Amino acid sequence: MEEIEIKLALMPTDQRRFMRHPLLRSATARTNQILDNIYFDTPDLALKKYGVALRIRRQGRLRLQTVKLGGKAVAGLSIRPEWEVPYRGRFDFSAVDNLKVRRWLEQAEILNRIAPLFQTRFRRITWHLALESGGEVLVALDRGDIFAGGLHEKLSEVELELSGSRDVAALKNISEQLMLRVPLAPSGISKAQRAYALLATVIKR
C-alpha cells in the first residue's frame, strides 16, 4: 500500500482560523480522536539508517502497527510504501510485501533489539472531502506534542491524504485552496524525523 499525502506546517495561533475554512464545511464526515504513538528502533538506530519507520498507534481501544519506508517530499507531497495491521502484543511483519524489507526486519539481530525510542501524542480532527473522481481526501489537523530523549516539542500541522484514490492533482488542488486563506507552509519533515532531530540534540550535549 502507498501513502500519498501532503504535509503543511501551521502556526498554533492560526489553528482556529484553519478550522473555520469554508472548504471544510463541505466535508461528508468529521472525526475527533486522541492518538498516542510509540516509535521503535534499535539502540544504534538501525531502522532509521535503513530508511524504515516502525510505530504502534493507540486510538481508543484499537492498537495498530505501522511500517513505513522513507520517501522524498516535494513541496510537502510525499508518496511512500506503508503497511498497517492490528497490533496483538508482538511485531508481525507478514503484511510487508517488500520481501527485502520484511526479511531485514525479521532478522534476529534486528528484531531482538527493537525497543521504544520516542513518542507523540496529539488530537486529530479529520474532515472527509469527497472527490468527483472517486475516493476522498482526508484533511487532518494535528495538535499535540513530541517527546524524545527527555525533550518536548509542540506539534501543529495539517496532513492531506488520499483515500481510495490516486488523484494527486485533486490533492494538490485542495491544499492550494486551503493555503489561499490560511498561512500554511509545505513541510517535508515527518513527526518521526522531528523526534530523531530532538534525540540528536541530546546526543550532542
N, C-alpha and C. Protein backbone atom coordinates (compact mmCIF):
# COMPACT_ATOMS: atom_id res chain seq x y z
N MET A 1 0.84 -1.19 0.00
CA MET A 1 0.00 0.00 0.00
C MET A 1 0.88 1.25 0.00
N GLU A 2 0.44 2.27 -0.73
CA GLU A 2 1.18 3.53 -0.76
C GLU A 2 0.42 4.63 -0.03
N GLU A 3 1.14 5.40 0.74
CA GLU A 3 0.58 6.57 1.40
C GLU A 3 0.91 7.78 0.52
N ILE A 4 -0.13 8.48 0.09
CA ILE A 4 0.05 9.68 -0.73
C ILE A 4 -0.51 10.85 0.06
N GLU A 5 0.36 11.75 0.50
CA GLU A 5 -0.11 12.83 1.36
C GLU A 5 0.68 14.11 1.14
N ILE A 6 0.09 15.19 1.58
CA ILE A 6 0.75 16.50 1.62
C ILE A 6 0.74 16.96 3.07
N LYS A 7 1.91 17.35 3.55
CA LYS A 7 2.03 17.83 4.92
C LYS A 7 2.26 19.34 4.91
N LEU A 8 1.53 20.05 5.75
CA LEU A 8 1.61 21.51 5.82
C LEU A 8 1.81 21.95 7.27
N ALA A 9 2.78 22.81 7.49
CA ALA A 9 3.01 23.35 8.83
C ALA A 9 2.02 24.48 9.10
N LEU A 10 1.54 24.55 10.34
CA LEU A 10 0.54 25.54 10.74
C LEU A 10 0.93 26.14 12.08
N MET A 11 0.96 27.45 12.15
CA MET A 11 1.25 28.10 13.42
C MET A 11 0.09 27.85 14.39
N PRO A 12 0.37 27.58 15.67
CA PRO A 12 -0.71 27.35 16.64
C PRO A 12 -1.73 28.49 16.68
N THR A 13 -1.27 29.69 16.46
CA THR A 13 -2.17 30.84 16.51
C THR A 13 -3.16 30.87 15.34
N ASP A 14 -2.91 30.05 14.31
CA ASP A 14 -3.79 30.02 13.14
C ASP A 14 -4.71 28.79 13.12
N GLN A 15 -4.70 28.01 14.18
CA GLN A 15 -5.49 26.78 14.19
C GLN A 15 -6.99 27.06 14.10
N ARG A 16 -7.46 28.01 14.86
CA ARG A 16 -8.90 28.31 14.83
C ARG A 16 -9.31 28.85 13.46
N ARG A 17 -8.44 29.66 12.89
CA ARG A 17 -8.71 30.19 11.55
C ARG A 17 -8.81 29.06 10.53
N PHE A 18 -7.93 28.09 10.66
CA PHE A 18 -7.97 26.95 9.75
C PHE A 18 -9.28 26.18 9.90
N MET A 19 -9.72 25.97 11.11
CA MET A 19 -10.93 25.19 11.35
C MET A 19 -12.18 25.88 10.81
N ARG A 20 -12.09 27.17 10.58
CA ARG A 20 -13.24 27.91 10.02
C ARG A 20 -13.16 28.01 8.49
N HIS A 21 -12.20 27.35 7.88
CA HIS A 21 -12.04 27.44 6.43
C HIS A 21 -13.31 26.97 5.73
N PRO A 22 -13.85 27.74 4.77
CA PRO A 22 -15.10 27.38 4.09
C PRO A 22 -15.05 26.01 3.41
N LEU A 23 -13.90 25.61 2.92
CA LEU A 23 -13.79 24.33 2.23
C LEU A 23 -14.16 23.17 3.14
N LEU A 24 -13.87 23.29 4.41
CA LEU A 24 -14.12 22.20 5.35
C LEU A 24 -15.61 22.00 5.63
N ARG A 25 -16.40 23.00 5.30
CA ARG A 25 -17.85 22.87 5.51
C ARG A 25 -18.48 21.84 4.58
N SER A 26 -17.79 21.51 3.50
CA SER A 26 -18.33 20.54 2.54
C SER A 26 -17.98 19.10 2.93
N ALA A 27 -17.35 18.91 4.08
CA ALA A 27 -16.95 17.56 4.49
C ALA A 27 -18.16 16.65 4.66
N THR A 28 -18.03 15.41 4.20
CA THR A 28 -19.11 14.44 4.36
C THR A 28 -19.12 13.83 5.76
N ALA A 29 -17.99 13.96 6.45
CA ALA A 29 -17.88 13.45 7.83
C ALA A 29 -16.72 14.15 8.52
N ARG A 30 -16.76 14.15 9.85
CA ARG A 30 -15.68 14.74 10.65
C ARG A 30 -15.48 13.88 11.89
N THR A 31 -14.23 13.56 12.18
CA THR A 31 -13.91 12.76 13.36
C THR A 31 -12.92 13.52 14.24
N ASN A 32 -12.93 13.16 15.52
CA ASN A 32 -12.06 13.83 16.51
C ASN A 32 -11.49 12.74 17.42
N GLN A 33 -10.15 12.55 17.39
CA GLN A 33 -9.53 11.46 18.13
C GLN A 33 -8.26 11.93 18.84
N ILE A 34 -7.95 11.25 19.93
CA ILE A 34 -6.64 11.38 20.57
C ILE A 34 -5.80 10.20 20.10
N LEU A 35 -4.62 10.47 19.56
CA LEU A 35 -3.75 9.42 19.05
C LEU A 35 -2.45 9.38 19.86
N ASP A 36 -2.15 8.22 20.43
CA ASP A 36 -0.90 8.00 21.15
C ASP A 36 -0.03 7.08 20.32
N ASN A 37 1.20 7.50 20.06
CA ASN A 37 2.08 6.76 19.16
C ASN A 37 3.43 6.52 19.82
N ILE A 38 3.90 5.29 19.74
CA ILE A 38 5.24 4.95 20.20
C ILE A 38 6.05 4.49 18.98
N TYR A 39 7.20 5.10 18.79
CA TYR A 39 8.09 4.73 17.68
C TYR A 39 9.23 3.88 18.21
N PHE A 40 9.65 2.93 17.40
CA PHE A 40 10.65 1.95 17.82
C PHE A 40 11.87 1.99 16.91
N ASP A 41 13.01 1.63 17.51
CA ASP A 41 14.25 1.48 16.75
C ASP A 41 15.21 0.66 17.61
N THR A 42 16.36 0.35 17.08
CA THR A 42 17.40 -0.32 17.85
C THR A 42 18.26 0.75 18.54
N PRO A 43 19.06 0.38 19.53
CA PRO A 43 19.90 1.38 20.21
C PRO A 43 20.83 2.13 19.27
N ASP A 44 21.28 1.48 18.18
CA ASP A 44 22.16 2.15 17.23
C ASP A 44 21.41 2.71 16.02
N LEU A 45 20.07 2.83 16.15
CA LEU A 45 19.20 3.44 15.14
C LEU A 45 19.30 2.74 13.78
N ALA A 46 19.31 1.42 13.82
CA ALA A 46 19.42 0.65 12.58
C ALA A 46 18.23 0.87 11.65
N LEU A 47 17.02 1.01 12.21
CA LEU A 47 15.84 1.22 11.35
C LEU A 47 15.93 2.56 10.63
N LYS A 48 16.32 3.57 11.36
CA LYS A 48 16.47 4.90 10.74
C LYS A 48 17.48 4.84 9.60
N LYS A 49 18.61 4.20 9.83
CA LYS A 49 19.65 4.11 8.81
C LYS A 49 19.17 3.32 7.60
N TYR A 50 18.28 2.36 7.81
CA TYR A 50 17.77 1.53 6.73
C TYR A 50 16.61 2.22 5.99
N GLY A 51 16.11 3.30 6.57
CA GLY A 51 15.00 4.03 5.95
C GLY A 51 13.63 3.49 6.30
N VAL A 52 13.52 2.89 7.50
CA VAL A 52 12.25 2.30 7.95
C VAL A 52 11.77 3.01 9.21
N ALA A 53 10.48 3.28 9.28
CA ALA A 53 9.86 3.79 10.50
C ALA A 53 8.88 2.74 11.01
N LEU A 54 8.94 2.47 12.30
CA LEU A 54 8.07 1.46 12.93
C LEU A 54 7.33 2.10 14.09
N ARG A 55 6.00 2.01 14.06
CA ARG A 55 5.17 2.71 15.04
C ARG A 55 4.03 1.82 15.52
N ILE A 56 3.71 1.96 16.81
CA ILE A 56 2.48 1.39 17.37
C ILE A 56 1.59 2.56 17.76
N ARG A 57 0.39 2.58 17.22
CA ARG A 57 -0.57 3.67 17.50
C ARG A 57 -1.74 3.14 18.29
N ARG A 58 -2.11 3.88 19.34
CA ARG A 58 -3.31 3.56 20.10
C ARG A 58 -4.35 4.64 19.85
N GLN A 59 -5.50 4.23 19.35
CA GLN A 59 -6.62 5.15 19.17
C GLN A 59 -7.85 4.49 19.77
N GLY A 60 -8.24 4.98 20.94
CA GLY A 60 -9.29 4.31 21.68
C GLY A 60 -8.80 2.95 22.16
N ARG A 61 -9.57 1.90 21.89
CA ARG A 61 -9.18 0.55 22.28
C ARG A 61 -8.35 -0.16 21.21
N LEU A 62 -8.24 0.45 20.06
CA LEU A 62 -7.54 -0.16 18.94
C LEU A 62 -6.05 0.17 18.97
N ARG A 63 -5.23 -0.84 18.68
CA ARG A 63 -3.79 -0.62 18.53
C ARG A 63 -3.35 -1.10 17.15
N LEU A 64 -2.60 -0.27 16.46
CA LEU A 64 -2.18 -0.56 15.10
C LEU A 64 -0.67 -0.51 14.98
N GLN A 65 -0.11 -1.46 14.24
CA GLN A 65 1.31 -1.45 13.93
C GLN A 65 1.48 -0.92 12.51
N THR A 66 2.36 0.05 12.34
CA THR A 66 2.60 0.64 11.02
C THR A 66 4.08 0.59 10.69
N VAL A 67 4.38 0.13 9.49
CA VAL A 67 5.74 0.17 8.95
C VAL A 67 5.71 1.10 7.74
N LYS A 68 6.62 2.07 7.72
CA LYS A 68 6.72 2.99 6.59
C LYS A 68 8.15 3.01 6.08
N LEU A 69 8.29 3.20 4.78
CA LEU A 69 9.60 3.40 4.19
C LEU A 69 9.81 4.88 3.92
N GLY A 70 11.05 5.30 3.95
CA GLY A 70 11.35 6.69 3.67
C GLY A 70 11.04 7.03 2.21
N GLY A 71 10.73 8.28 1.97
CA GLY A 71 10.46 8.74 0.61
C GLY A 71 10.80 10.20 0.50
N LYS A 72 10.93 10.67 -0.73
CA LYS A 72 11.24 12.07 -0.93
C LYS A 72 9.97 12.91 -0.87
N ALA A 73 10.08 14.09 -0.29
CA ALA A 73 8.95 15.01 -0.23
C ALA A 73 9.26 16.22 -1.10
N VAL A 74 8.32 16.56 -1.98
CA VAL A 74 8.46 17.72 -2.86
C VAL A 74 7.29 18.65 -2.59
N ALA A 75 7.58 19.87 -2.11
CA ALA A 75 6.54 20.85 -1.77
C ALA A 75 5.52 20.23 -0.81
N GLY A 76 6.01 19.41 0.12
CA GLY A 76 5.15 18.80 1.11
C GLY A 76 4.50 17.51 0.68
N LEU A 77 4.54 17.19 -0.64
CA LEU A 77 3.92 15.97 -1.16
C LEU A 77 4.88 14.80 -1.04
N SER A 78 4.40 13.72 -0.44
CA SER A 78 5.22 12.51 -0.33
C SER A 78 4.40 11.30 -0.72
N ILE A 79 5.06 10.36 -1.38
CA ILE A 79 4.45 9.08 -1.77
C ILE A 79 5.39 8.00 -1.28
N ARG A 80 4.91 7.16 -0.36
CA ARG A 80 5.80 6.14 0.19
C ARG A 80 5.02 4.90 0.60
N PRO A 81 5.69 3.74 0.55
CA PRO A 81 5.03 2.49 0.95
C PRO A 81 4.70 2.49 2.44
N GLU A 82 3.56 1.89 2.76
CA GLU A 82 3.11 1.82 4.16
C GLU A 82 2.33 0.52 4.35
N TRP A 83 2.56 -0.14 5.48
CA TRP A 83 1.83 -1.36 5.82
C TRP A 83 1.29 -1.24 7.24
N GLU A 84 -0.01 -1.41 7.39
CA GLU A 84 -0.65 -1.24 8.69
C GLU A 84 -1.47 -2.46 9.03
N VAL A 85 -1.26 -3.01 10.24
CA VAL A 85 -2.01 -4.18 10.70
C VAL A 85 -2.34 -4.01 12.17
N PRO A 86 -3.34 -4.71 12.69
CA PRO A 86 -3.61 -4.66 14.13
C PRO A 86 -2.41 -5.17 14.92
N TYR A 87 -2.14 -4.56 16.04
CA TYR A 87 -1.04 -5.00 16.90
C TYR A 87 -1.60 -5.84 18.03
N ARG A 88 -1.08 -7.06 18.16
CA ARG A 88 -1.61 -8.02 19.16
C ARG A 88 -0.55 -8.42 20.17
N GLY A 89 0.31 -7.51 20.52
CA GLY A 89 1.28 -7.78 21.57
C GLY A 89 2.66 -8.16 21.10
N ARG A 90 2.82 -8.38 19.80
CA ARG A 90 4.14 -8.66 19.26
C ARG A 90 4.20 -8.15 17.81
N PHE A 91 5.40 -7.86 17.35
CA PHE A 91 5.55 -7.35 15.99
C PHE A 91 5.25 -8.45 14.97
N ASP A 92 4.52 -8.08 13.95
CA ASP A 92 4.15 -9.01 12.88
C ASP A 92 4.41 -8.29 11.55
N PHE A 93 5.42 -8.76 10.81
CA PHE A 93 5.80 -8.11 9.56
C PHE A 93 5.33 -8.89 8.34
N SER A 94 4.42 -9.83 8.53
CA SER A 94 3.97 -10.67 7.43
C SER A 94 3.24 -9.88 6.33
N ALA A 95 2.68 -8.72 6.66
CA ALA A 95 1.97 -7.92 5.67
C ALA A 95 2.90 -7.09 4.79
N VAL A 96 4.17 -7.00 5.18
CA VAL A 96 5.14 -6.20 4.40
C VAL A 96 5.48 -6.99 3.14
N ASP A 97 4.93 -6.57 1.99
CA ASP A 97 5.13 -7.33 0.76
C ASP A 97 6.41 -6.98 0.02
N ASN A 98 7.19 -6.07 0.57
CA ASN A 98 8.55 -5.84 0.08
C ASN A 98 9.44 -6.87 0.80
N LEU A 99 9.76 -7.96 0.10
CA LEU A 99 10.43 -9.08 0.75
C LEU A 99 11.79 -8.70 1.33
N LYS A 100 12.50 -7.82 0.65
CA LYS A 100 13.81 -7.40 1.16
C LYS A 100 13.67 -6.73 2.51
N VAL A 101 12.70 -5.82 2.62
CA VAL A 101 12.48 -5.10 3.88
C VAL A 101 11.97 -6.05 4.96
N ARG A 102 11.02 -6.94 4.59
CA ARG A 102 10.47 -7.86 5.59
C ARG A 102 11.54 -8.78 6.15
N ARG A 103 12.37 -9.34 5.30
CA ARG A 103 13.42 -10.24 5.77
C ARG A 103 14.43 -9.51 6.64
N TRP A 104 14.70 -8.26 6.29
CA TRP A 104 15.62 -7.47 7.11
C TRP A 104 15.05 -7.24 8.50
N LEU A 105 13.77 -6.88 8.58
CA LEU A 105 13.13 -6.63 9.86
C LEU A 105 13.03 -7.89 10.71
N GLU A 106 12.88 -9.04 10.07
CA GLU A 106 12.69 -10.28 10.80
C GLU A 106 14.00 -10.93 11.24
N GLN A 107 15.12 -10.35 10.86
CA GLN A 107 16.40 -10.87 11.35
C GLN A 107 16.44 -10.80 12.87
N ALA A 108 16.94 -11.84 13.50
CA ALA A 108 17.01 -11.86 14.96
C ALA A 108 17.85 -10.70 15.49
N GLU A 109 18.92 -10.36 14.80
CA GLU A 109 19.79 -9.29 15.29
C GLU A 109 19.13 -7.92 15.23
N ILE A 110 18.08 -7.81 14.43
CA ILE A 110 17.29 -6.57 14.39
C ILE A 110 16.09 -6.69 15.31
N LEU A 111 15.28 -7.72 15.08
CA LEU A 111 14.02 -7.89 15.82
C LEU A 111 14.23 -7.94 17.33
N ASN A 112 15.28 -8.61 17.76
CA ASN A 112 15.51 -8.77 19.21
C ASN A 112 16.04 -7.50 19.87
N ARG A 113 16.43 -6.51 19.08
CA ARG A 113 16.98 -5.28 19.66
C ARG A 113 16.03 -4.09 19.53
N ILE A 114 14.89 -4.30 18.88
CA ILE A 114 13.94 -3.20 18.71
C ILE A 114 13.32 -2.84 20.06
N ALA A 115 13.31 -1.54 20.35
CA ALA A 115 12.78 -1.06 21.63
C ALA A 115 12.14 0.30 21.44
N PRO A 116 11.26 0.74 22.36
CA PRO A 116 10.66 2.07 22.26
C PRO A 116 11.73 3.15 22.27
N LEU A 117 11.55 4.17 21.42
CA LEU A 117 12.56 5.22 21.30
C LEU A 117 11.99 6.60 21.63
N PHE A 118 10.83 6.92 21.08
CA PHE A 118 10.19 8.21 21.38
C PHE A 118 8.70 8.09 21.13
N GLN A 119 7.96 9.13 21.49
CA GLN A 119 6.51 9.05 21.32
C GLN A 119 5.91 10.40 20.93
N THR A 120 4.72 10.32 20.39
CA THR A 120 3.94 11.52 20.10
C THR A 120 2.53 11.32 20.66
N ARG A 121 1.91 12.41 21.02
CA ARG A 121 0.52 12.37 21.48
C ARG A 121 -0.16 13.62 20.96
N PHE A 122 -1.24 13.44 20.22
CA PHE A 122 -1.90 14.62 19.65
C PHE A 122 -3.38 14.35 19.40
N ARG A 123 -4.12 15.43 19.33
CA ARG A 123 -5.53 15.37 18.95
C ARG A 123 -5.61 15.57 17.44
N ARG A 124 -6.33 14.67 16.78
CA ARG A 124 -6.50 14.77 15.33
C ARG A 124 -7.97 14.98 14.99
N ILE A 125 -8.23 16.08 14.32
CA ILE A 125 -9.57 16.33 13.76
C ILE A 125 -9.46 16.08 12.27
N THR A 126 -10.30 15.21 11.74
CA THR A 126 -10.23 14.83 10.33
C THR A 126 -11.53 15.17 9.62
N TRP A 127 -11.39 15.87 8.50
CA TRP A 127 -12.52 16.18 7.62
C TRP A 127 -12.42 15.30 6.37
N HIS A 128 -13.52 14.66 5.98
CA HIS A 128 -13.55 13.79 4.80
C HIS A 128 -14.15 14.58 3.63
N LEU A 129 -13.33 14.84 2.63
CA LEU A 129 -13.78 15.59 1.46
C LEU A 129 -13.89 14.65 0.26
N ALA A 130 -15.09 14.47 -0.25
CA ALA A 130 -15.32 13.57 -1.38
C ALA A 130 -14.76 14.19 -2.66
N LEU A 131 -14.21 13.32 -3.53
CA LEU A 131 -13.68 13.75 -4.82
C LEU A 131 -14.63 13.34 -5.93
N GLU A 132 -14.77 14.19 -6.94
CA GLU A 132 -15.61 13.86 -8.08
C GLU A 132 -15.07 12.65 -8.83
N SER A 133 -13.75 12.47 -8.79
CA SER A 133 -13.12 11.36 -9.49
C SER A 133 -13.24 10.04 -8.72
N GLY A 134 -13.83 10.10 -7.53
CA GLY A 134 -13.95 8.92 -6.68
C GLY A 134 -12.97 8.96 -5.53
N GLY A 135 -13.30 8.30 -4.44
CA GLY A 135 -12.46 8.35 -3.25
C GLY A 135 -12.62 9.67 -2.53
N GLU A 136 -11.69 9.96 -1.66
CA GLU A 136 -11.78 11.18 -0.89
C GLU A 136 -10.40 11.64 -0.42
N VAL A 137 -10.37 12.89 0.04
CA VAL A 137 -9.17 13.44 0.68
C VAL A 137 -9.48 13.59 2.16
N LEU A 138 -8.60 13.06 2.99
CA LEU A 138 -8.74 13.21 4.43
C LEU A 138 -7.87 14.39 4.86
N VAL A 139 -8.52 15.43 5.36
CA VAL A 139 -7.80 16.62 5.82
C VAL A 139 -7.72 16.54 7.34
N ALA A 140 -6.51 16.38 7.87
CA ALA A 140 -6.33 16.18 9.31
C ALA A 140 -5.56 17.33 9.93
N LEU A 141 -6.10 17.87 11.00
CA LEU A 141 -5.41 18.87 11.82
C LEU A 141 -4.87 18.17 13.05
N ASP A 142 -3.55 18.16 13.20
CA ASP A 142 -2.90 17.51 14.34
C ASP A 142 -2.33 18.55 15.29
N ARG A 143 -2.74 18.45 16.57
CA ARG A 143 -2.27 19.38 17.60
C ARG A 143 -1.86 18.60 18.83
N GLY A 144 -0.58 18.72 19.21
CA GLY A 144 -0.14 17.96 20.37
C GLY A 144 1.34 18.10 20.65
N ASP A 145 2.00 16.97 20.96
CA ASP A 145 3.37 17.03 21.45
C ASP A 145 4.21 15.87 20.93
N ILE A 146 5.51 16.14 20.81
CA ILE A 146 6.52 15.13 20.50
C ILE A 146 7.44 15.03 21.71
N PHE A 147 7.70 13.80 22.16
CA PHE A 147 8.58 13.58 23.32
C PHE A 147 9.73 12.67 22.89
N ALA A 148 10.97 13.14 23.08
CA ALA A 148 12.13 12.34 22.68
C ALA A 148 13.34 12.73 23.52
N GLY A 149 14.00 11.73 24.10
CA GLY A 149 15.23 11.97 24.84
C GLY A 149 15.08 12.92 26.00
N GLY A 150 13.90 12.94 26.62
CA GLY A 150 13.66 13.85 27.73
C GLY A 150 13.31 15.26 27.29
N LEU A 151 13.24 15.49 25.97
CA LEU A 151 12.87 16.80 25.44
C LEU A 151 11.44 16.76 24.91
N HIS A 152 10.90 17.94 24.69
CA HIS A 152 9.49 18.06 24.32
C HIS A 152 9.35 19.16 23.27
N GLU A 153 8.53 18.89 22.26
CA GLU A 153 8.31 19.88 21.20
C GLU A 153 6.84 19.89 20.84
N LYS A 154 6.28 21.08 20.65
CA LYS A 154 4.88 21.22 20.28
C LYS A 154 4.67 20.82 18.82
N LEU A 155 3.49 20.31 18.55
CA LEU A 155 3.14 19.83 17.21
C LEU A 155 1.90 20.57 16.73
N SER A 156 1.98 21.14 15.53
CA SER A 156 0.84 21.80 14.91
C SER A 156 1.00 21.68 13.40
N GLU A 157 0.22 20.82 12.78
CA GLU A 157 0.36 20.62 11.34
C GLU A 157 -0.92 20.08 10.73
N VAL A 158 -0.99 20.17 9.42
CA VAL A 158 -2.13 19.68 8.66
C VAL A 158 -1.63 18.63 7.68
N GLU A 159 -2.33 17.51 7.62
CA GLU A 159 -2.00 16.46 6.65
C GLU A 159 -3.20 16.22 5.75
N LEU A 160 -2.95 16.16 4.45
CA LEU A 160 -3.98 15.82 3.47
C LEU A 160 -3.58 14.49 2.84
N GLU A 161 -4.44 13.50 2.96
CA GLU A 161 -4.11 12.16 2.46
C GLU A 161 -5.20 11.63 1.54
N LEU A 162 -4.79 11.03 0.43
CA LEU A 162 -5.74 10.40 -0.48
C LEU A 162 -6.22 9.07 0.10
N SER A 163 -7.51 8.83 0.00
CA SER A 163 -8.09 7.57 0.46
C SER A 163 -9.00 7.03 -0.65
N GLY A 164 -8.68 5.82 -1.13
CA GLY A 164 -9.48 5.25 -2.21
C GLY A 164 -9.29 5.94 -3.53
N SER A 165 -8.18 6.63 -3.69
CA SER A 165 -7.91 7.40 -4.91
C SER A 165 -6.41 7.61 -5.06
N ARG A 166 -5.99 7.84 -6.31
CA ARG A 166 -4.60 8.23 -6.59
C ARG A 166 -4.57 9.55 -7.35
N ASP A 167 -5.61 10.36 -7.15
CA ASP A 167 -5.76 11.63 -7.86
C ASP A 167 -4.90 12.71 -7.19
N VAL A 168 -3.60 12.70 -7.52
CA VAL A 168 -2.67 13.64 -6.90
C VAL A 168 -3.02 15.08 -7.25
N ALA A 169 -3.52 15.30 -8.46
CA ALA A 169 -3.89 16.65 -8.89
C ALA A 169 -4.98 17.22 -7.98
N ALA A 170 -5.97 16.39 -7.63
CA ALA A 170 -7.05 16.84 -6.74
C ALA A 170 -6.51 17.13 -5.35
N LEU A 171 -5.57 16.31 -4.90
CA LEU A 171 -4.95 16.52 -3.59
C LEU A 171 -4.24 17.87 -3.55
N LYS A 172 -3.48 18.16 -4.59
CA LYS A 172 -2.76 19.44 -4.67
C LYS A 172 -3.74 20.62 -4.73
N ASN A 173 -4.83 20.42 -5.48
CA ASN A 173 -5.82 21.48 -5.62
C ASN A 173 -6.44 21.85 -4.28
N ILE A 174 -6.76 20.85 -3.47
CA ILE A 174 -7.35 21.11 -2.16
C ILE A 174 -6.34 21.81 -1.25
N SER A 175 -5.08 21.38 -1.30
CA SER A 175 -4.07 22.03 -0.46
C SER A 175 -3.90 23.49 -0.85
N GLU A 176 -3.96 23.77 -2.16
CA GLU A 176 -3.82 25.16 -2.62
C GLU A 176 -5.01 26.01 -2.16
N GLN A 177 -6.21 25.42 -2.17
CA GLN A 177 -7.38 26.16 -1.69
C GLN A 177 -7.24 26.50 -0.21
N LEU A 178 -6.74 25.55 0.56
CA LEU A 178 -6.56 25.79 1.99
C LEU A 178 -5.53 26.89 2.23
N MET A 179 -4.47 26.89 1.44
CA MET A 179 -3.38 27.84 1.62
C MET A 179 -3.75 29.26 1.21
N LEU A 180 -4.82 29.41 0.42
CA LEU A 180 -5.25 30.75 -0.01
C LEU A 180 -5.75 31.59 1.16
N ARG A 181 -6.35 30.94 2.15
CA ARG A 181 -6.97 31.66 3.26
C ARG A 181 -6.22 31.55 4.58
N VAL A 182 -5.35 30.57 4.69
CA VAL A 182 -4.65 30.32 5.95
C VAL A 182 -3.15 30.20 5.68
N PRO A 183 -2.30 30.82 6.53
CA PRO A 183 -0.85 30.70 6.34
C PRO A 183 -0.37 29.27 6.64
N LEU A 184 -0.27 28.48 5.60
CA LEU A 184 0.20 27.09 5.69
C LEU A 184 1.46 26.96 4.85
N ALA A 185 2.44 26.26 5.36
CA ALA A 185 3.71 26.11 4.65
C ALA A 185 4.00 24.64 4.37
N PRO A 186 4.30 24.29 3.11
CA PRO A 186 4.65 22.90 2.80
C PRO A 186 5.80 22.42 3.68
N SER A 187 5.69 21.19 4.18
CA SER A 187 6.70 20.64 5.06
C SER A 187 7.05 19.22 4.64
N GLY A 188 8.33 18.95 4.48
CA GLY A 188 8.76 17.61 4.12
C GLY A 188 9.29 16.83 5.30
N ILE A 189 9.04 17.33 6.51
CA ILE A 189 9.59 16.70 7.72
C ILE A 189 8.48 15.95 8.46
N SER A 190 8.65 14.65 8.63
CA SER A 190 7.66 13.84 9.33
C SER A 190 7.79 14.02 10.83
N LYS A 191 6.78 13.53 11.55
CA LYS A 191 6.84 13.57 13.02
C LYS A 191 8.03 12.77 13.53
N ALA A 192 8.28 11.62 12.90
CA ALA A 192 9.42 10.80 13.32
C ALA A 192 10.74 11.52 13.09
N GLN A 193 10.87 12.19 11.97
CA GLN A 193 12.10 12.93 11.69
C GLN A 193 12.32 14.04 12.70
N ARG A 194 11.25 14.69 13.10
CA ARG A 194 11.37 15.74 14.12
C ARG A 194 11.82 15.16 15.45
N ALA A 195 11.31 13.97 15.78
CA ALA A 195 11.71 13.33 17.03
C ALA A 195 13.17 12.90 16.99
N TYR A 196 13.61 12.35 15.86
CA TYR A 196 15.01 11.97 15.72
C TYR A 196 15.92 13.20 15.85
N ALA A 197 15.45 14.34 15.33
CA ALA A 197 16.23 15.57 15.45
C ALA A 197 16.36 15.99 16.91
N LEU A 198 15.29 15.81 17.68
CA LEU A 198 15.35 16.11 19.11
C LEU A 198 16.38 15.20 19.80
N LEU A 199 16.34 13.92 19.44
CA LEU A 199 17.31 12.98 20.03
C LEU A 199 18.75 13.38 19.69
N ALA A 200 18.95 13.87 18.49
CA ALA A 200 20.30 14.27 18.08
C ALA A 200 20.83 15.42 18.92
N THR A 201 19.94 16.32 19.34
CA THR A 201 20.40 17.43 20.19
C THR A 201 20.83 16.92 21.57
N VAL A 202 20.17 15.84 22.05
CA VAL A 202 20.54 15.25 23.33
C VAL A 202 21.93 14.60 23.22
N ILE A 203 22.15 13.88 22.13
CA ILE A 203 23.42 13.18 21.93
C ILE A 203 24.58 14.17 21.86
N LYS A 204 24.33 15.34 21.27
CA LYS A 204 25.40 16.33 21.10
C LYS A 204 25.80 16.99 22.42
N ARG A 205 24.91 16.91 23.42
CA ARG A 205 25.20 17.58 24.70
C ARG A 205 26.33 16.92 25.46
